[in-house]
PDB file of N, CA and C in Angstrom:
ATOM      1  N   MET A   1     125.737  78.572 111.618  1.00  0.00           N
ATOM      2  CA  MET A   1     126.718  79.047 110.672  1.00  0.00           C
ATOM      3  C   MET A   1     128.035  79.307 111.391  1.00  0.00           C
ATOM      4  N   VAL A   2     129.104  79.022 110.738  1.00  0.00           N
ATOM      5  CA  VAL A   2     130.421  79.235 111.316  1.00  0.00           C
ATOM      6  C   VAL A   2     130.702  80.729 111.354  1.00  0.00           C
ATOM      7  N   GLY A   3     131.236  81.183 112.489  1.00  0.00           N
ATOM      8  CA  GLY A   3     131.612  82.582 112.627  1.00  0.00           C
ATOM      9  C   GLY A   3     130.470  83.516 113.004  1.00  0.00           C
ATOM     10  N   MET A   4     129.254  83.030 113.089  1.00  0.00           N
ATOM     11  CA  MET A   4     128.115  83.863 113.449  1.00  0.00           C
ATOM     12  C   MET A   4     127.863  83.729 114.940  1.00  0.00           C
ATOM     13  N   ALA A   5     127.891  84.844 115.633  1.00  0.00           N
ATOM     14  CA  ALA A   5     127.625  84.829 117.071  1.00  0.00           C
ATOM     15  C   ALA A   5     126.121  84.693 117.294  1.00  0.00           C
ATOM     16  N   GLN A   6     125.747  83.853 118.218  1.00  0.00           N
ATOM     17  CA  GLN A   6     124.339  83.721 118.559  1.00  0.00           C
ATOM     18  C   GLN A   6     123.984  84.751 119.616  1.00  0.00           C
ATOM     19  N   THR A   7     122.825  85.335 119.464  1.00  0.00           N
ATOM     20  CA  THR A   7     122.376  86.326 120.422  1.00  0.00           C
ATOM     21  C   THR A   7     121.459  85.655 121.429  1.00  0.00           C
ATOM     22  N   ALA A   8     121.685  85.972 122.677  1.00  0.00           N
ATOM     23  CA  ALA A   8     120.826  85.436 123.733  1.00  0.00           C
ATOM     24  C   ALA A   8     119.478  86.130 123.671  1.00  0.00           C
ATOM     25  N   PRO A   9     118.407  85.424 123.982  1.00  0.00           N
ATOM     26  CA  PRO A   9     117.094  86.081 124.000  1.00  0.00           C
ATOM     27  C   PRO A   9     117.081  87.194 125.040  1.00  0.00           C
ATOM     28  N   ARG A  10     116.355  88.256 124.709  1.00  0.00           N
ATOM     29  CA  ARG A  10     116.247  89.377 125.643  1.00  0.00           C
ATOM     30  C   ARG A  10     115.418  88.963 126.842  1.00  0.00           C
ATOM     31  N   VAL A  11     115.919  89.306 128.020  1.00  0.00           N
ATOM     32  CA  VAL A  11     115.153  89.031 129.234  1.00  0.00           C
ATOM     33  C   VAL A  11     114.772  90.317 129.961  1.00  0.00           C
ATOM     34  N   CYS A  12     115.381  91.423 129.597  1.00  0.00           N
ATOM     35  CA  CYS A  12     115.074  92.710 130.229  1.00  0.00           C
ATOM     36  C   CYS A  12     113.646  93.126 129.854  1.00  0.00           C
ATOM     37  N   SER A  13     112.832  93.422 130.858  1.00  0.00           N
ATOM     38  CA  SER A  13     111.438  93.779 130.591  1.00  0.00           C
ATOM     39  C   SER A  13     111.316  95.071 129.775  1.00  0.00           C
ATOM     40  N   ILE A  14     112.229  96.006 129.972  1.00  0.00           N
ATOM     41  CA  ILE A  14     112.183  97.247 129.181  1.00  0.00           C
ATOM     42  C   ILE A  14     112.489  96.940 127.720  1.00  0.00           C
ATOM     43  N   ALA A  15     113.524  96.175 127.465  1.00  0.00           N
ATOM     44  CA  ALA A  15     113.882  95.816 126.089  1.00  0.00           C
ATOM     45  C   ALA A  15     112.744  95.068 125.409  1.00  0.00           C
ATOM     46  N   ARG A  16     112.132  94.143 126.123  1.00  0.00           N
ATOM     47  CA  ARG A  16     111.035  93.364 125.543  1.00  0.00           C
ATOM     48  C   ARG A  16     109.825  94.242 125.277  1.00  0.00           C
ATOM     49  N   ALA A  17     109.518  95.156 126.199  1.00  0.00           N
ATOM     50  CA  ALA A  17     108.392  96.071 125.996  1.00  0.00           C
ATOM     51  C   ALA A  17     108.651  96.977 124.791  1.00  0.00           C
ATOM     52  N   LEU A  18     109.886  97.439 124.653  1.00  0.00           N
ATOM     53  CA  LEU A  18     110.223  98.296 123.512  1.00  0.00           C
ATOM     54  C   LEU A  18     110.134  97.542 122.197  1.00  0.00           C
ATOM     55  N   ASP A  19     110.364  96.235 122.220  1.00  0.00           N
ATOM     56  CA  ASP A  19     110.172  95.429 121.014  1.00  0.00           C
ATOM     57  C   ASP A  19     108.723  95.496 120.539  1.00  0.00           C
ATOM     58  N   VAL A  20     107.798  95.645 121.477  1.00  0.00           N
ATOM     59  CA  VAL A  20     106.369  95.645 121.149  1.00  0.00           C
ATOM     60  C   VAL A  20     105.864  97.054 120.841  1.00  0.00           C
ATOM     61  N   VAL A  21     106.206  98.044 121.662  1.00  0.00           N
ATOM     62  CA  VAL A  21     105.624  99.391 121.508  1.00  0.00           C
ATOM     63  C   VAL A  21     106.672 100.494 121.446  1.00  0.00           C
ATOM     64  N   GLY A  22     107.911 100.153 121.135  1.00  0.00           N
ATOM     65  CA  GLY A  22     108.980 101.129 121.247  1.00  0.00           C
ATOM     66  C   GLY A  22     109.166 102.087 120.095  1.00  0.00           C
ATOM     67  N   ASP A  23     108.399 101.950 119.046  1.00  0.00           N
ATOM     68  CA  ASP A  23     108.551 102.916 117.960  1.00  0.00           C
ATOM     69  C   ASP A  23     107.610 104.096 118.179  1.00  0.00           C
ATOM     70  N   LYS A  24     107.898 105.194 117.544  1.00  0.00           N
ATOM     71  CA  LYS A  24     107.115 106.420 117.712  1.00  0.00           C
ATOM     72  C   LYS A  24     105.633 106.213 117.412  1.00  0.00           C
ATOM     73  N   TRP A  25     105.323 105.578 116.334  1.00  0.00           N
ATOM     74  CA  TRP A  25     103.937 105.518 115.889  1.00  0.00           C
ATOM     75  C   TRP A  25     103.061 104.662 116.777  1.00  0.00           C
ATOM     76  N   SER A  26     103.580 103.561 117.308  1.00  0.00           N
ATOM     77  CA  SER A  26     102.749 102.685 118.148  1.00  0.00           C
ATOM     78  C   SER A  26     102.231 103.426 119.371  1.00  0.00           C
ATOM     79  N   LEU A  27     103.094 104.154 120.034  1.00  0.00           N
ATOM     80  CA  LEU A  27     102.655 104.892 121.230  1.00  0.00           C
ATOM     81  C   LEU A  27     101.668 105.995 120.879  1.00  0.00           C
ATOM     82  N   LEU A  28     101.812 106.601 119.701  1.00  0.00           N
ATOM     83  CA  LEU A  28     100.856 107.634 119.299  1.00  0.00           C
ATOM     84  C   LEU A  28      99.494 107.027 118.957  1.00  0.00           C
ATOM     85  N   VAL A  29      99.473 105.835 118.369  1.00  0.00           N
ATOM     86  CA  VAL A  29      98.203 105.142 118.125  1.00  0.00           C
ATOM     87  C   VAL A  29      97.540 104.816 119.456  1.00  0.00           C
ATOM     88  N   ILE A  30      98.316 104.321 120.403  1.00  0.00           N
ATOM     89  CA  ILE A  30      97.776 104.015 121.734  1.00  0.00           C
ATOM     90  C   ILE A  30      97.240 105.290 122.387  1.00  0.00           C
ATOM     91  N   ARG A  31      97.985 106.377 122.282  1.00  0.00           N
ATOM     92  CA  ARG A  31      97.510 107.665 122.817  1.00  0.00           C
ATOM     93  C   ARG A  31      96.169 108.049 122.210  1.00  0.00           C
ATOM     94  N   ASP A  32      96.043 107.911 120.885  1.00  0.00           N
ATOM     95  CA  ASP A  32      94.796 108.280 120.218  1.00  0.00           C
ATOM     96  C   ASP A  32      93.638 107.401 120.673  1.00  0.00           C
ATOM     97  N   LEU A  33      93.885 106.121 120.846  1.00  0.00           N
ATOM     98  CA  LEU A  33      92.825 105.231 121.345  1.00  0.00           C
ATOM     99  C   LEU A  33      92.425 105.614 122.771  1.00  0.00           C
ATOM    100  N   LEU A  34      93.400 105.989 123.580  1.00  0.00           N
ATOM    101  CA  LEU A  34      93.095 106.447 124.939  1.00  0.00           C
ATOM    102  C   LEU A  34      92.250 107.718 124.915  1.00  0.00           C
ATOM    103  N   HIS A  35      92.418 108.534 123.863  1.00  0.00           N
ATOM    104  CA  HIS A  35      91.675 109.789 123.738  1.00  0.00           C
ATOM    105  C   HIS A  35      90.345 109.633 123.008  1.00  0.00           C
ATOM    106  N   GLY A  36      89.947 108.404 122.715  1.00  0.00           N
ATOM    107  CA  GLY A  36      88.628 108.197 122.144  1.00  0.00           C
ATOM    108  C   GLY A  36      88.553 108.106 120.639  1.00  0.00           C
ATOM    109  N   ARG A  37      89.680 108.096 119.968  1.00  0.00           N
ATOM    110  CA  ARG A  37      89.663 107.857 118.523  1.00  0.00           C
ATOM    111  C   ARG A  37      89.623 106.351 118.329  1.00  0.00           C
ATOM    112  N   HIS A  38      88.723 105.866 117.469  1.00  0.00           N
ATOM    113  CA  HIS A  38      88.566 104.419 117.353  1.00  0.00           C
ATOM    114  C   HIS A  38      88.629 103.885 115.932  1.00  0.00           C
ATOM    115  N   THR A  39      88.465 104.727 114.929  1.00  0.00           N
ATOM    116  CA  THR A  39      88.479 104.233 113.557  1.00  0.00           C
ATOM    117  C   THR A  39      89.786 104.627 112.879  1.00  0.00           C
ATOM    118  N   TYR A  40      90.075 103.942 111.796  1.00  0.00           N
ATOM    119  CA  TYR A  40      91.268 104.227 111.000  1.00  0.00           C
ATOM    120  C   TYR A  40      91.297 105.710 110.626  1.00  0.00           C
ATOM    121  N   GLY A  41      90.167 106.206 110.147  1.00  0.00           N
ATOM    122  CA  GLY A  41      90.081 107.612 109.736  1.00  0.00           C
ATOM    123  C   GLY A  41      90.319 108.581 110.878  1.00  0.00           C
ATOM    124  N   GLU A  42      89.779 108.274 112.048  1.00  0.00           N
ATOM    125  CA  GLU A  42      89.986 109.153 113.208  1.00  0.00           C
ATOM    126  C   GLU A  42      91.455 109.165 113.628  1.00  0.00           C
ATOM    127  N   ILE A  43      92.080 108.004 113.629  1.00  0.00           N
ATOM    128  CA  ILE A  43      93.488 107.930 114.018  1.00  0.00           C
ATOM    129  C   ILE A  43      94.350 108.622 112.970  1.00  0.00           C
ATOM    130  N   LEU A  44      93.965 108.502 111.708  1.00  0.00           N
ATOM    131  CA  LEU A  44      94.699 109.147 110.620  1.00  0.00           C
ATOM    132  C   LEU A  44      94.685 110.669 110.755  1.00  0.00           C
ATOM    133  N   GLN A  45      93.675 111.225 111.437  1.00  0.00           N
ATOM    134  CA  GLN A  45      93.562 112.670 111.634  1.00  0.00           C
ATOM    135  C   GLN A  45      94.516 113.208 112.701  1.00  0.00           C
ATOM    136  N   SER A  46      95.280 112.341 113.307  1.00  0.00           N
ATOM    137  CA  SER A  46      96.224 112.742 114.351  1.00  0.00           C
ATOM    138  C   SER A  46      97.131 113.857 113.837  1.00  0.00           C
ATOM    139  N   PRO A  47      97.460 114.833 114.667  1.00  0.00           N
ATOM    140  CA  PRO A  47      98.244 115.975 114.200  1.00  0.00           C
ATOM    141  C   PRO A  47      99.648 115.615 113.704  1.00  0.00           C
ATOM    142  N   GLU A  48     100.162 114.445 114.066  1.00  0.00           N
ATOM    143  CA  GLU A  48     101.504 114.054 113.625  1.00  0.00           C
ATOM    144  C   GLU A  48     101.540 113.582 112.173  1.00  0.00           C
ATOM    145  N   GLY A  49     100.384 113.305 111.598  1.00  0.00           N
ATOM    146  CA  GLY A  49     100.327 112.930 110.192  1.00  0.00           C
ATOM    147  C   GLY A  49     100.933 111.568 109.885  1.00  0.00           C
ATOM    148  N   ILE A  50     100.493 110.538 110.568  1.00  0.00           N
ATOM    149  CA  ILE A  50     101.009 109.198 110.330  1.00  0.00           C
ATOM    150  C   ILE A  50     100.689 108.759 108.897  1.00  0.00           C
ATOM    151  N   PRO A  51     101.679 108.287 108.158  1.00  0.00           N
ATOM    152  CA  PRO A  51     101.419 107.790 106.803  1.00  0.00           C
ATOM    153  C   PRO A  51     100.486 106.572 106.843  1.00  0.00           C
ATOM    154  N   THR A  52      99.642 106.435 105.824  1.00  0.00           N
ATOM    155  CA  THR A  52      98.637 105.380 105.816  1.00  0.00           C
ATOM    156  C   THR A  52      99.235 103.976 105.885  1.00  0.00           C
ATOM    157  N   ASN A  53     100.340 103.754 105.197  1.00  0.00           N
ATOM    158  CA  ASN A  53     100.941 102.417 105.225  1.00  0.00           C
ATOM    159  C   ASN A  53     101.489 102.084 106.610  1.00  0.00           C
ATOM    160  N   ILE A  54     102.023 103.078 107.291  1.00  0.00           N
ATOM    161  CA  ILE A  54     102.556 102.846 108.639  1.00  0.00           C
ATOM    162  C   ILE A  54     101.405 102.634 109.617  1.00  0.00           C
ATOM    163  N   LEU A  55     100.325 103.389 109.475  1.00  0.00           N
ATOM    164  CA  LEU A  55      99.184 103.206 110.361  1.00  0.00           C
ATOM    165  C   LEU A  55      98.620 101.792 110.218  1.00  0.00           C
ATOM    166  N   ALA A  56      98.435 101.328 108.997  1.00  0.00           N
ATOM    167  CA  ALA A  56      97.918  99.975 108.779  1.00  0.00           C
ATOM    168  C   ALA A  56      98.846  98.937 109.407  1.00  0.00           C
ATOM    169  N   ASP A  57     100.150  99.132 109.242  1.00  0.00           N
ATOM    170  CA  ASP A  57     101.122  98.201 109.815  1.00  0.00           C
ATOM    171  C   ASP A  57     101.072  98.211 111.338  1.00  0.00           C
ATOM    172  N   ARG A  58     101.022  99.388 111.946  1.00  0.00           N
ATOM    173  CA  ARG A  58     101.016  99.471 113.413  1.00  0.00           C
ATOM    174  C   ARG A  58      99.740  98.898 114.001  1.00  0.00           C
ATOM    175  N   LEU A  59      98.614  99.146 113.362  1.00  0.00           N
ATOM    176  CA  LEU A  59      97.364  98.566 113.848  1.00  0.00           C
ATOM    177  C   LEU A  59      97.443  97.040 113.822  1.00  0.00           C
ATOM    178  N   ALA A  60      97.991  96.481 112.753  1.00  0.00           N
ATOM    179  CA  ALA A  60      98.129  95.019 112.659  1.00  0.00           C
ATOM    180  C   ALA A  60      99.092  94.496 113.722  1.00  0.00           C
ATOM    181  N   ARG A  61     100.218  95.174 113.901  1.00  0.00           N
ATOM    182  CA  ARG A  61     101.202  94.744 114.911  1.00  0.00           C
ATOM    183  C   ARG A  61     100.632  94.797 116.325  1.00  0.00           C
ATOM    184  N   LEU A  62      99.945  95.889 116.630  1.00  0.00           N
ATOM    185  CA  LEU A  62      99.374  96.037 117.968  1.00  0.00           C
ATOM    186  C   LEU A  62      98.279  95.011 118.216  1.00  0.00           C
ATOM    187  N   GLU A  63      97.531  94.680 117.169  1.00  0.00           N
ATOM    188  CA  GLU A  63      96.510  93.645 117.338  1.00  0.00           C
ATOM    189  C   GLU A  63      97.168  92.272 117.526  1.00  0.00           C
ATOM    190  N   ASP A  64      98.197  91.987 116.745  1.00  0.00           N
ATOM    191  CA  ASP A  64      98.920  90.719 116.897  1.00  0.00           C
ATOM    192  C   ASP A  64      99.522  90.575 118.291  1.00  0.00           C
ATOM    193  N   ALA A  65      99.924  91.703 118.885  1.00  0.00           N
ATOM    194  CA  ALA A  65     100.532  91.691 120.217  1.00  0.00           C
ATOM    195  C   ALA A  65      99.483  91.658 121.329  1.00  0.00           C
ATOM    196  N   GLY A  66      98.200  91.724 120.971  1.00  0.00           N
ATOM    197  CA  GLY A  66      97.142  91.682 121.975  1.00  0.00           C
ATOM    198  C   GLY A  66      96.917  92.997 122.699  1.00  0.00           C
ATOM    199  N   ILE A  67      97.401  94.094 122.112  1.00  0.00           N
ATOM    200  CA  ILE A  67      97.269  95.410 122.738  1.00  0.00           C
ATOM    201  C   ILE A  67      95.980  96.104 122.303  1.00  0.00           C
ATOM    202  N   ILE A  68      95.563  95.839 121.071  1.00  0.00           N
ATOM    203  CA  ILE A  68      94.297  96.376 120.590  1.00  0.00           C
ATOM    204  C   ILE A  68      93.457  95.236 120.016  1.00  0.00           C
ATOM    205  N   ALA A  69      92.173  95.500 119.882  1.00  0.00           N
ATOM    206  CA  ALA A  69      91.251  94.565 119.239  1.00  0.00           C
ATOM    207  C   ALA A  69      90.481  95.341 118.179  1.00  0.00           C
ATOM    208  N   SER A  70      90.104  94.646 117.120  1.00  0.00           N
ATOM    209  CA  SER A  70      89.310  95.290 116.075  1.00  0.00           C
ATOM    210  C   SER A  70      87.960  94.608 115.974  1.00  0.00           C
ATOM    211  N   GLU A  71      86.967  95.416 115.636  1.00  0.00           N
ATOM    212  CA  GLU A  71      85.595  94.933 115.488  1.00  0.00           C
ATOM    213  C   GLU A  71      85.010  95.600 114.245  1.00  0.00           C
ATOM    214  N   PRO A  72      84.520  94.813 113.271  1.00  0.00           N
ATOM    215  CA  PRO A  72      83.937  95.461 112.084  1.00  0.00           C
ATOM    216  C   PRO A  72      82.700  96.272 112.453  1.00  0.00           C
ATOM    217  N   TYR A  73      82.614  97.470 111.892  1.00  0.00           N
ATOM    218  CA  TYR A  73      81.424  98.292 112.112  1.00  0.00           C
ATOM    219  C   TYR A  73      80.709  98.578 110.796  1.00  0.00           C
ATOM    220  N   GLN A  74      81.298  98.122 109.675  1.00  0.00           N
ATOM    221  CA  GLN A  74      80.686  98.309 108.360  1.00  0.00           C
ATOM    222  C   GLN A  74      81.058  97.101 107.512  1.00  0.00           C
ATOM    223  N   ASP A  75      80.104  96.638 106.679  1.00  0.00           N
ATOM    224  CA  ASP A  75      80.353  95.444 105.882  1.00  0.00           C
ATOM    225  C   ASP A  75      80.978  95.715 104.518  1.00  0.00           C
ATOM    226  N   ARG A  76      80.473  96.699 103.798  1.00  0.00           N
ATOM    227  CA  ARG A  76      80.959  96.923 102.428  1.00  0.00           C
ATOM    228  C   ARG A  76      81.308  98.373 102.208  1.00  0.00           C
ATOM    229  N   PRO A  77      82.558  98.692 102.108  1.00  0.00           N
ATOM    230  CA  PRO A  77      83.714  97.847 102.400  1.00  0.00           C
ATOM    231  C   PRO A  77      83.822  97.612 103.904  1.00  0.00           C
ATOM    232  N   VAL A  78      84.519  96.551 104.256  1.00  0.00           N
ATOM    233  CA  VAL A  78      84.685  96.241 105.678  1.00  0.00           C
ATOM    234  C   VAL A  78      85.560  97.319 106.311  1.00  0.00           C
ATOM    235  N   ARG A  79      85.047  97.884 107.382  1.00  0.00           N
ATOM    236  CA  ARG A  79      85.800  98.883 108.154  1.00  0.00           C
ATOM    237  C   ARG A  79      85.735  98.476 109.611  1.00  0.00           C
ATOM    238  N   TYR A  80      86.813  98.805 110.328  1.00  0.00           N
ATOM    239  CA  TYR A  80      86.958  98.334 111.698  1.00  0.00           C
ATOM    240  C   TYR A  80      87.039  99.485 112.687  1.00  0.00           C
ATOM    241  N   ALA A  81      86.525  99.228 113.873  1.00  0.00           N
ATOM    242  CA  ALA A  81      86.736 100.106 115.015  1.00  0.00           C
ATOM    243  C   ALA A  81      87.765  99.408 115.895  1.00  0.00           C
ATOM    244  N   TYR A  82      88.671 100.179 116.433  1.00  0.00           N
ATOM    245  CA  TYR A  82      89.750  99.642 117.257  1.00  0.00           C
ATOM    246  C   TYR A  82      89.559 100.074 118.696  1.00  0.00           C
ATOM    247  N   SER A  83      89.928  99.191 119.599  1.00  0.00           N
ATOM    248  CA  SER A  83      89.857  99.514 121.022  1.00  0.00           C
ATOM    249  C   SER A  83      91.035  98.862 121.728  1.00  0.00           C
ATOM    250  N   LEU A  84      91.391  99.433 122.853  1.00  0.00           N
ATOM    251  CA  LEU A  84      92.463  98.865 123.659  1.00  0.00           C
ATOM    252  C   LEU A  84      91.943  97.660 124.432  1.00  0.00           C
ATOM    253  N   THR A  85      92.740  96.638 124.484  1.00  0.00           N
ATOM    254  CA  THR A  85      92.444  95.491 125.332  1.00  0.00           C
ATOM    255  C   THR A  85      92.878  95.849 126.754  1.00  0.00           C
ATOM    256  N   PRO A  86      92.579  95.022 127.741  1.00  0.00           N
ATOM    257  CA  PRO A  86      93.102  95.301 129.084  1.00  0.00           C
ATOM    258  C   PRO A  86      94.634  95.464 129.078  1.00  0.00           C
ATOM    259  N   LYS A  87      95.305  94.651 128.305  1.00  0.00           N
ATOM    260  CA  LYS A  87      96.768  94.762 128.178  1.00  0.00           C
ATOM    261  C   LYS A  87      97.147  96.132 127.612  1.00  0.00           C
ATOM    262  N   GLY A  88      96.396  96.610 126.627  1.00  0.00           N
ATOM    263  CA  GLY A  88      96.659  97.920 126.036  1.00  0.00           C
ATOM    264  C   GLY A  88      96.332  99.061 126.983  1.00  0.00           C
ATOM    265  N   ARG A  89      95.223  98.923 127.723  1.00  0.00           N
ATOM    266  CA  ARG A  89      94.850  99.973 128.687  1.00  0.00           C
ATOM    267  C   ARG A  89      95.911 100.119 129.779  1.00  0.00           C
ATOM    268  N   ASP A  90      96.600  99.029 130.084  1.00  0.00           N
ATOM    269  CA  ASP A  90      97.678  99.106 131.074  1.00  0.00           C
ATOM    270  C   ASP A  90      98.820 100.010 130.626  1.00  0.00           C
ATOM    271  N   LEU A  91      98.889 100.329 129.344  1.00  0.00           N
ATOM    272  CA  LEU A  91      99.916 101.261 128.848  1.00  0.00           C
ATOM    273  C   LEU A  91      99.539 102.718 129.103  1.00  0.00           C
ATOM    274  N   GLY A  92      98.335 102.967 129.600  1.00  0.00           N
ATOM    275  CA  GLY A  92      97.906 104.337 129.886  1.00  0.00           C
ATOM    276  C   GLY A  92      98.840 105.045 130.842  1.00  0.00           C
ATOM    277  N   ASP A  93      99.305 104.347 131.865  1.00  0.00           N
ATOM    278  CA  ASP A  93     100.241 104.963 132.820  1.00  0.00           C
ATOM    279  C   ASP A  93     101.573 105.304 132.157  1.00  0.00           C
ATOM    280  N   VAL A  94     101.998 104.479 131.220  1.00  0.00           N
ATOM    281  CA  VAL A  94     103.247 104.741 130.490  1.00  0.00           C
ATOM    282  C   VAL A  94     103.092 105.999 129.637  1.00  0.00           C
ATOM    283  N   VAL A  95     101.982 106.084 128.916  1.00  0.00           N
ATOM    284  CA  VAL A  95     101.723 107.257 128.079  1.00  0.00           C
ATOM    285  C   VAL A  95     101.629 108.508 128.944  1.00  0.00           C
ATOM    286  N   LEU A  96     100.936 108.418 130.064  1.00  0.00           N
ATOM    287  CA  LEU A  96     100.817 109.559 130.975  1.00  0.00           C
ATOM    288  C   LEU A  96     102.181 109.979 131.523  1.00  0.00           C
ATOM    289  N   ALA A  97     103.029 109.022 131.840  1.00  0.00           N
ATOM    290  CA  ALA A  97     104.380 109.350 132.313  1.00  0.00           C
ATOM    291  C   ALA A  97     105.162 110.097 131.229  1.00  0.00           C
ATOM    292  N   LEU A  98     105.009 109.698 129.975  1.00  0.00           N
ATOM    293  CA  LEU A  98     105.688 110.402 128.878  1.00  0.00           C
ATOM    294  C   LEU A  98     105.128 111.809 128.702  1.00  0.00           C
ATOM    295  N   VAL A  99     103.818 111.970 128.878  1.00  0.00           N
ATOM    296  CA  VAL A  99     103.200 113.304 128.807  1.00  0.00           C
ATOM    297  C   VAL A  99     103.803 114.206 129.878  1.00  0.00           C
ATOM    298  N   ARG A 100     103.829 113.709 131.095  1.00  0.00           N
ATOM    299  CA  ARG A 100     104.367 114.515 132.204  1.00  0.00           C
ATOM    300  C   ARG A 100     105.828 114.863 131.971  1.00  0.00           C
ATOM    301  N   TRP A 101     106.613 113.895 131.533  1.00  0.00           N
ATOM    302  CA  TRP A 101     108.035 114.139 131.281  1.00  0.00           C
ATOM    303  C   TRP A 101     108.210 115.164 130.167  1.00  0.00           C
ATOM    304  N   GLY A 102     107.452 115.015 129.088  1.00  0.00           N
ATOM    305  CA  GLY A 102     107.546 115.954 127.966  1.00  0.00           C
ATOM    306  C   GLY A 102     107.181 117.374 128.363  1.00  0.00           C
ATOM    307  N   ARG A 103     106.084 117.516 129.124  1.00  0.00           N
ATOM    308  CA  ARG A 103     105.681 118.864 129.558  1.00  0.00           C
ATOM    309  C   ARG A 103     106.728 119.484 130.472  1.00  0.00           C
ATOM    310  N   LYS A 104     107.381 118.674 131.279  1.00  0.00           N
ATOM    311  CA  LYS A 104     108.368 119.194 132.224  1.00  0.00           C
ATOM    312  C   LYS A 104     109.695 119.536 131.549  1.00  0.00           C
ATOM    313  N   HIS A 105     110.122 118.743 130.585  1.00  0.00           N
ATOM    314  CA  HIS A 105     111.476 118.862 130.074  1.00  0.00           C
ATOM    315  C   HIS A 105     111.604 119.324 128.618  1.00  0.00           C
ATOM    316  N   ILE A 106     110.497 119.410 127.883  1.00  0.00           N
ATOM    317  CA  ILE A 106     110.579 119.825 126.483  1.00  0.00           C
ATOM    318  C   ILE A 106     109.703 121.061 126.297  1.00  0.00           C
ATOM    319  N   PRO A 107     110.331 122.237 126.196  1.00  0.00           N
ATOM    320  CA  PRO A 107     109.571 123.481 126.065  1.00  0.00           C
ATOM    321  C   PRO A 107     108.671 123.464 124.831  1.00  0.00           C
ATOM    322  N   GLY A 108     107.471 124.016 124.984  1.00  0.00           N
ATOM    323  CA  GLY A 108     106.540 124.155 123.879  1.00  0.00           C
ATOM    324  C   GLY A 108     105.639 122.961 123.639  1.00  0.00           C
ATOM    325  N   THR A 109     105.796 121.906 124.434  1.00  0.00           N
ATOM    326  CA  THR A 109     104.902 120.758 124.239  1.00  0.00           C
ATOM    327  C   THR A 109     103.591 121.030 124.962  1.00  0.00           C
ATOM    328  N   ARG A 110     102.558 120.358 124.512  1.00  0.00           N
ATOM    329  CA  ARG A 110     101.259 120.495 125.153  1.00  0.00           C
ATOM    330  C   ARG A 110     100.578 119.131 125.153  1.00  0.00           C
ATOM    331  N   THR A 111      99.538 119.036 125.923  1.00  0.00           N
ATOM    332  CA  THR A 111      98.767 117.803 126.027  1.00  0.00           C
ATOM    333  C   THR A 111      97.614 117.878 125.056  1.00  0.00           C
ATOM    334  N   LEU A 112      97.456 116.838 124.228  1.00  0.00           N
ATOM    335  CA  LEU A 112      96.301 116.774 123.335  1.00  0.00           C
ATOM    336  C   LEU A 112      95.094 116.341 124.135  1.00  0.00           C
ATOM    337  N   THR A 113      93.925 116.806 123.723  1.00  0.00           N
ATOM    338  CA  THR A 113      92.707 116.419 124.429  1.00  0.00           C
ATOM    339  C   THR A 113      91.699 115.872 123.443  1.00  0.00           C
ATOM    340  N   GLY A 114      91.090 114.774 123.812  1.00  0.00           N
ATOM    341  CA  GLY A 114      89.962 114.173 123.091  1.00  0.00           C
ATOM    342  C   GLY A 114      90.146 114.047 121.608  1.00  0.00           C
ATOM    343  N   LYS A 115      89.006 113.811 120.927  1.00  0.00           N
ATOM    344  CA  LYS A 115      89.006 113.666 119.467  1.00  0.00           C
ATOM    345  C   LYS A 115      89.312 114.984 118.871  1.00  0.00           C
TER     346      LYS A 115
END
């Protein structure tokens, strides 16, 4: 199109990573999976109160990106258990770094534990 500037593809690894997991909810879903929550219902119980439509969207996006995998655990209705792939487990250090930073620099934060 005339007058439309073309954007160069992002090559910065931080920018590209943020394209995949840079929104608030994706990292919280990953945190919950790291803490042993595996079903839609368990993740929905997260204290942040993720809306159901956003949770469904983030689970689909993370699966499309190869960060999580789903496995049916019930047939009727079909329900899935979610787990981190090796690629997703590699984000554990990122989540831990955010935990440490938050505890150090944001008063009143705490670390969530387990289910």
